[in-house]
């Protein structure tokens, strides 16, 4: 956000090249030790984005998922800016864990009657 207000592939590539030059390393050297975790994203159509995201039970489900992940992944639940949807994304060490945690949050959204 320091350089642009939106994602920009050209700017990103220039910043990566800048880092390569500053560190005097190849991209493969800079990426050593980087582990890409599986990611699952589910878009849920809801009646009211605000109500769904701010529901205490939904927040508790998100907090429980985050606690289960601890430092080994992440969960992001956010409203779509353009559609009546809540986006639930989990990155974790296994695809199975991603799917289980996304499902646990989506199930609460559904149980609470937020799904359109």
Protein backbone atom coordinates (compact mmCIF):
# COMPACT_ATOMS: atom_id res chain seq x y z
CA UNK A 1 0.00 0.00 0.00
CA UNK A 2 3.04 2.23 0.24
CA UNK A 3 3.42 2.18 -3.55
CA UNK A 4 -0.05 1.44 -4.94
CA UNK A 5 -3.63 1.12 -3.74
CA UNK A 6 -4.34 -2.09 -5.69
CA UNK A 7 -2.52 -5.29 -6.52
CA UNK A 8 -0.19 -4.74 -9.45
CA UNK A 9 1.83 -7.56 -10.99
CA UNK A 10 4.33 -5.27 -12.70
CA UNK A 11 5.01 -3.34 -9.51
CA UNK A 12 5.31 -6.60 -7.58
CA UNK A 13 7.84 -7.99 -10.05
CA UNK A 14 9.89 -4.79 -9.85
CA UNK A 15 9.91 -4.95 -6.03
CA UNK A 16 11.00 -8.61 -6.17
CA UNK A 17 13.83 -7.71 -8.54
CA UNK A 18 14.79 -4.85 -6.22
CA UNK A 19 15.06 -7.33 -3.33
CA UNK A 20 17.12 -9.70 -5.48
CA UNK A 21 19.53 -6.91 -6.35
CA UNK A 22 19.79 -5.64 -2.78
CA UNK A 23 20.50 -9.14 -1.40
CA UNK A 24 22.58 -10.18 -4.42
CA UNK A 25 20.70 -13.50 -4.55
CA UNK A 26 18.66 -15.33 -7.15
CA UNK A 27 14.94 -15.76 -6.65
CA UNK A 28 15.41 -19.46 -5.88
CA UNK A 29 17.93 -18.54 -3.17
CA UNK A 30 15.55 -16.00 -1.67
CA UNK A 31 12.77 -18.61 -1.63
CA UNK A 32 14.79 -21.29 0.20
CA UNK A 33 12.87 -22.46 3.23
CA UNK A 34 9.58 -21.08 1.96
CA UNK A 35 6.74 -23.58 2.33
CA UNK A 36 3.53 -22.91 0.43
CA UNK A 37 0.56 -24.27 2.37
CA UNK A 38 -2.65 -25.50 0.77
CA UNK A 39 -5.48 -22.97 0.72
CA UNK A 40 -9.24 -23.39 0.61
CA UNK A 41 -11.55 -20.46 -0.13
CA UNK A 42 -15.31 -20.72 0.03
CA UNK A 43 -17.65 -17.89 -0.96
CA UNK A 44 -20.96 -17.99 0.88
CA UNK A 45 -23.97 -16.00 -0.37
CA UNK A 46 -25.64 -14.42 2.66
CA UNK A 47 -28.68 -12.26 3.35
CA UNK A 48 -26.74 -9.62 5.31
CA UNK A 49 -22.92 -9.56 5.16
CA UNK A 50 -22.56 -7.38 8.24
CA UNK A 51 -24.88 -9.52 10.37
CA UNK A 52 -23.22 -12.76 9.29
CA UNK A 53 -19.68 -11.57 9.94
CA UNK A 54 -20.53 -9.93 13.27
CA UNK A 55 -22.60 -12.83 14.62
CA UNK A 56 -21.05 -13.87 17.99
CA UNK A 57 -21.28 -17.58 17.12
CA UNK A 58 -19.57 -17.02 13.78
CA UNK A 59 -16.86 -15.01 15.51
CA UNK A 60 -16.44 -17.83 18.05
CA UNK A 61 -16.10 -20.40 15.24
CA UNK A 62 -13.46 -18.24 13.53
CA UNK A 63 -11.60 -17.80 16.83
CA UNK A 64 -11.71 -21.57 17.46
CA UNK A 65 -10.31 -22.24 13.99
CA UNK A 66 -7.57 -19.66 14.52
CA UNK A 67 -6.69 -21.23 17.87
CA UNK A 68 -6.51 -24.67 16.28
CA UNK A 69 -4.19 -23.34 13.56
CA UNK A 70 -2.05 -21.40 16.04
CA UNK A 71 1.18 -20.55 14.21
CA UNK A 72 0.78 -23.27 11.57
CA UNK A 73 -1.72 -21.51 9.31
CA UNK A 74 -4.25 -18.73 9.09
CA UNK A 75 -7.93 -18.04 8.65
CA UNK A 76 -9.46 -15.01 7.01
CA UNK A 77 -13.19 -14.28 7.00
CA UNK A 78 -14.23 -11.13 5.18
CA UNK A 79 -17.11 -9.55 3.36
CA UNK A 80 -17.04 -9.27 -0.40
CA UNK A 81 -16.85 -5.68 -1.49
CA UNK A 82 -19.01 -6.25 -4.57
CA UNK A 83 -21.31 -9.21 -3.85
CA UNK A 84 -23.60 -10.33 -1.01
CA UNK A 85 -21.00 -12.87 0.09
CA UNK A 86 -18.78 -13.78 3.00
CA UNK A 87 -15.43 -15.23 1.98
CA UNK A 88 -13.94 -17.88 4.27
CA UNK A 89 -10.30 -18.74 3.55
CA UNK A 90 -7.98 -21.08 5.44
CA UNK A 91 -4.32 -21.86 4.81
CA UNK A 92 -2.97 -24.83 6.77
CA UNK A 93 -0.39 -27.57 6.59
CA UNK A 94 -2.82 -30.01 4.99
CA UNK A 95 -5.69 -29.70 2.55
CA UNK A 96 -7.84 -31.81 4.87
CA UNK A 97 -7.34 -29.37 7.75
CA UNK A 98 -8.19 -26.43 5.44
CA UNK A 99 -11.40 -28.08 4.30
CA UNK A 100 -12.42 -29.05 7.84
CA UNK A 101 -11.89 -25.58 9.26
CA UNK A 102 -13.63 -23.82 6.37
CA UNK A 103 -16.56 -26.22 6.77
CA UNK A 104 -16.75 -25.60 10.51
CA UNK A 105 -17.16 -21.85 9.97
CA UNK A 106 -19.54 -22.24 7.01
CA UNK A 107 -21.66 -24.67 9.05
CA UNK A 108 -22.09 -22.06 11.79
CA UNK A 109 -23.03 -19.40 9.22
CA UNK A 110 -25.63 -21.80 7.84
CA UNK A 111 -26.94 -22.90 11.26
CA UNK A 112 -27.46 -19.29 12.24
CA UNK A 113 -29.64 -18.74 9.18
CA UNK A 114 -27.39 -16.26 7.38
CA UNK A 115 -27.15 -18.14 4.08
CA UNK A 116 -29.40 -16.74 1.39
